[in-house]
Protein backbone atom coordinates (compact mmCIF):
# COMPACT_ATOMS: atom_id res chain seq x y z
CA MET A 1 -0.02 -0.02 -0.01
CA ALA A 2 1.13 3.58 -0.76
CA PHE A 3 2.47 5.41 2.28
CA VAL A 4 1.37 9.07 2.45
CA LYS A 5 2.51 11.42 5.19
CA HIS A 6 0.56 14.20 6.80
CA VAL A 7 -2.92 12.65 6.30
CA GLY A 8 -5.26 11.34 8.99
CA ARG A 9 -8.69 11.64 10.55
CA HIS A 10 -10.46 13.22 13.53
CA SER A 11 -10.73 10.60 16.25
CA GLY A 12 -14.20 11.83 17.26
CA THR A 13 -15.97 12.61 14.00
CA GLY A 14 -13.97 10.39 11.57
CA GLN A 15 -13.49 13.38 9.24
CA ARG A 16 -10.53 13.10 6.95
CA LEU A 17 -7.88 15.83 7.54
CA SER A 18 -4.36 16.86 6.66
CA VAL A 19 -1.99 18.06 9.38
CA VAL A 20 -0.38 21.33 8.37
CA PHE A 21 1.34 22.15 11.71
CA MET A 22 1.78 19.20 13.99
CA GLN A 23 2.23 21.55 17.02
CA LEU A 24 1.73 25.28 17.51
CA PRO A 25 4.81 26.93 19.02
CA ASP A 26 3.07 28.30 22.06
CA GLU A 27 0.30 25.68 22.21
CA GLN A 28 2.05 22.33 21.71
CA GLU A 29 -1.16 20.53 22.65
CA ASN A 30 -2.82 21.85 19.57
CA ALA A 31 -2.21 21.28 15.84
CA LEU A 32 -3.45 23.17 12.68
CA VAL A 33 -5.29 21.03 10.15
CA VAL A 34 -7.22 21.25 6.96
CA TYR A 35 -10.33 19.09 6.46
CA SER A 36 -9.49 18.11 2.95
CA ASP A 37 -12.99 16.92 2.04
CA THR A 38 -14.53 20.30 2.84
CA LEU A 39 -12.11 22.20 0.58
CA PRO A 40 -13.67 23.89 -2.48
CA ASP A 41 -13.10 21.93 -5.69
CA ARG A 42 -10.84 24.78 -7.06
CA TYR A 43 -8.37 24.08 -4.17
CA HIS A 44 -8.90 20.37 -3.34
CA ASP A 45 -6.85 18.70 -6.11
CA SER A 46 -3.89 21.13 -6.03
CA PHE A 47 -3.79 20.78 -2.28
CA MET A 48 -3.66 16.96 -2.37
CA GLU A 49 -1.09 17.10 -5.16
CA ALA A 50 1.09 19.22 -2.98
CA ILE A 51 0.85 16.73 -0.15
CA GLU A 52 1.64 13.67 -2.37
CA SER A 53 4.42 15.46 -4.20
CA ASN A 54 8.11 14.50 -3.60
CA GLU A 55 8.46 17.82 -1.70
CA GLY A 56 5.43 17.15 0.42
CA GLN A 57 6.53 13.63 1.40
CA ALA A 58 10.03 14.75 2.11
CA ALA A 59 8.97 17.53 4.45
CA ASN A 60 8.59 16.89 8.23
CA ASN A 61 5.90 19.59 8.38
CA LEU A 62 3.41 20.17 5.61
CA TYR A 63 3.38 23.94 6.07
CA GLU A 64 7.01 24.11 4.76
CA VAL A 65 5.76 23.07 1.37
CA LEU A 66 2.44 24.87 1.44
CA ALA A 67 4.31 28.14 2.02
CA ARG A 68 6.17 27.65 -1.26
CA LYS A 69 3.47 26.19 -3.61
CA VAL A 70 0.75 28.32 -5.06
CA PHE A 71 -2.91 27.76 -6.12
CA TRP A 72 -4.26 28.41 -9.60
CA HIS A 73 -4.61 32.18 -8.85
CA GLY A 74 -0.93 32.54 -7.84
CA GLY A 75 -1.53 32.99 -4.18
CA PRO A 76 0.67 30.83 -1.70
CA MET A 77 -1.34 27.81 -0.50
CA LEU A 78 -0.59 28.40 3.22
CA GLU A 79 -1.65 32.05 3.06
CA THR A 80 -4.80 31.37 1.06
CA LEU A 81 -5.91 28.54 3.36
CA HIS A 82 -5.47 30.79 6.39
CA LYS A 83 -7.21 33.83 4.93
CA GLU A 84 -10.22 31.81 3.77
CA GLY A 85 -10.61 30.03 7.06
CA HIS A 86 -9.65 26.52 6.12
CA LEU A 87 -6.99 26.12 8.76
CA LYS A 88 -8.53 24.67 11.91
CA LYS A 89 -6.98 24.43 15.36
CA ILE A 90 -7.69 21.08 17.14
CA PRO A 91 -6.00 19.17 19.96
CA THR A 92 -3.22 16.83 18.84
CA SER A 93 -4.92 14.15 21.03
CA SER A 94 -7.95 14.27 18.66
CA ILE A 95 -5.88 13.32 15.54
CA ILE A 96 -5.22 9.81 14.23
CA MET A 97 -2.63 9.65 11.51
CA THR A 98 -3.42 7.22 8.69
CA PRO A 99 -0.52 7.11 6.19
CA ASN A 100 -2.06 3.97 4.66
CA SER A 101 -5.13 1.77 5.17
CA ASN A 102 -3.28 -0.55 7.50
CA THR A 103 -1.66 2.01 9.69
CA ASN A 104 -3.29 4.10 12.50
CA ILE A 105 -1.24 6.06 14.99
CA GLU A 106 -2.25 8.83 17.27
CA LEU A 107 -0.52 12.13 16.54
CA ASP A 108 0.52 12.49 20.17
CA LYS A 109 2.38 9.16 20.01
CA LEU A 110 3.89 10.00 16.64
CA ILE A 111 5.32 13.34 18.02
CA VAL A 112 6.91 11.46 21.06
CA GLU A 113 8.43 8.82 18.65
CA ILE A 114 9.90 11.61 16.37
CA GLU A 115 11.47 13.29 19.41
CA LYS A 116 12.84 9.98 20.61
CA GLN A 117 14.42 9.29 17.23
CA LYS A 118 16.04 12.72 17.28
CA SER A 119 17.58 12.02 20.74
CA ASP A 120 18.70 8.50 19.78
CA ASN A 121 20.53 9.71 16.69
CA PRO A 122 22.75 12.72 17.73
CA VAL A 123 25.00 14.25 15.09
CA GLU A 124 28.35 12.53 15.08
CA GLU A 125 31.40 14.66 15.84
CA VAL A 126 33.51 15.23 12.75
CA GLN A 127 37.31 15.17 13.25
CA GLU A 128 38.73 16.83 10.24
CA GLU A 129 38.97 20.66 10.60
CA ASN A 130 37.87 21.44 7.06
CA THR A 131 34.86 19.20 7.48
CA LYS A 132 33.98 20.85 10.78
CA SER A 133 33.98 24.16 9.00
CA GLN A 134 31.42 22.84 6.53
CA VAL A 135 29.33 21.34 9.24
CA ASP A 136 29.27 24.71 11.03
CA VAL A 137 28.00 26.27 7.89
CA ASN A 138 25.28 23.68 7.48
CA VAL A 139 24.27 24.07 11.19
CA GLU A 140 24.01 27.80 10.76
CA GLU A 141 21.90 27.49 7.69
CA SER A 142 19.70 25.00 9.42
CA LYS A 143 19.22 27.30 12.38
CA GLN A 144 18.28 30.16 10.03
CA ASP A 145 15.69 27.93 8.27
CA GLU A 146 14.39 26.78 11.72
CA ASN A 147 14.09 30.37 12.88
CA ARG A 148 12.24 31.33 9.71
CA GLN A 149 9.83 28.51 10.12
CA ILE A 150 9.19 29.39 13.81
CA ALA A 151 8.61 33.08 12.85
CA GLN A 152 6.19 31.99 10.09
CA ASN A 153 4.49 29.68 12.56
CA LEU A 154 4.08 32.56 15.04
CA LEU A 155 2.72 34.90 12.48
CA VAL A 156 0.05 32.46 11.40
CA GLN A 157 -0.87 31.82 14.97
CA ALA A 158 -1.01 35.58 15.70
CA GLU A 159 -3.30 36.19 12.74
CA LEU A 160 -5.55 33.35 13.91
CA LEU A 161 -5.71 34.76 17.45
CA GLU A 162 -6.55 38.24 16.10
CA SER A 163 -9.34 36.80 13.94
CA ASP A 164 -10.70 34.82 16.86
CA ALA A 165 -10.57 37.88 19.16
CA LYS A 166 -12.47 40.10 16.57
CA ALA A 167 -15.08 37.32 16.19
CA LYS A 168 -15.56 37.01 19.93
CA ARG A 169 -15.90 40.78 20.42
CA GLU A 170 -18.66 40.96 17.76
CA GLU A 171 -20.43 38.02 19.33
CA ALA A 172 -20.21 39.77 22.76
CA TYR A 173 -21.77 42.93 21.29
CA LYS A 174 -24.68 40.93 20.02
CA TYR A 175 -25.47 39.81 23.61
CA ASP A 176 -25.02 43.22 24.98
CA PRO A 177 -24.83 46.10 22.39
CA SER A 178 -24.18 48.61 25.22
CA LEU A 179 -20.66 47.24 25.42
CA LYS A 180 -19.76 48.27 21.94
CA PRO A 181 -17.60 51.36 21.82
CA LYS A 182 -19.44 54.34 20.64
CA VAL A 183 -17.95 56.62 17.99
CA ARG A 184 -18.12 60.27 19.24
CA VAL A 185 -19.24 62.62 16.51
CA THR A 186 -17.99 66.19 16.88
CA THR A 187 -20.72 68.75 16.31
CA LYS A 188 -20.22 72.07 14.52
CA SER A 189 -20.67 73.90 17.87
CA GLU A 190 -17.79 72.01 19.35
CA LYS A 191 -15.45 72.81 16.55
CA ALA A 192 -12.88 75.47 17.33
CA PRO A 193 -13.98 78.78 15.88
CA ALA A 194 -12.02 79.91 12.85
CA LYS A 195 -9.47 82.66 13.39
CA LYS A 196 -10.58 85.98 12.06
CA ARG A 197 -8.21 87.62 9.55
CA GLY A 198 -7.16 91.08 10.66
CA ARG A 199 -6.49 93.87 8.28
CA PRO A 200 -2.82 94.20 7.33
CA LYS A 201 -1.01 96.97 9.13
CA LYS A 202 -0.26 100.10 7.07
CA ALA A 203 3.34 100.53 6.22
CA GLU A 204 4.90 103.41 8.21
CA ALA A 205 5.91 106.45 6.16
């Protein structure tokens, strides 16, 4: 059976989904997913092609690829999915990864396994000085890429929180309109009177 990374289902509803962010930086108990079956037809096929592409399967996190690939209108996939509300935040404990029909693994357990593999396979020390130099370069580039990914992660999270906050404020105002800030309109009488122009002084003889 074909093995496809990043795909799974919701443990409660059974809905199929694709995991874009396995963990949010400041909310590691939550992930960002796309319910692929609910995507509009104009996005669905391109989105699934991105997942199944060589790049998609090589990436540890799907967002790395979606940030580079574009939809038919030229907009980056990750940005488009976020702006149109297709990125959903759900607990990692609610996600079952299903890379093929015979494999089911909870995302929480998968994350633990990935971390364990990282700790079990530390980078071996390189003896030759010139090789060490190249390793240093690679490490520095890796750190820059990681920082860029973290920054991108945080920006997406910030935008999501801003959108949530705005929606919650509007909902609160529906329950109690008196809480909505009132825009104060300045009347004509409150406006500062215009300065009168005086006659120019006569030049002295």
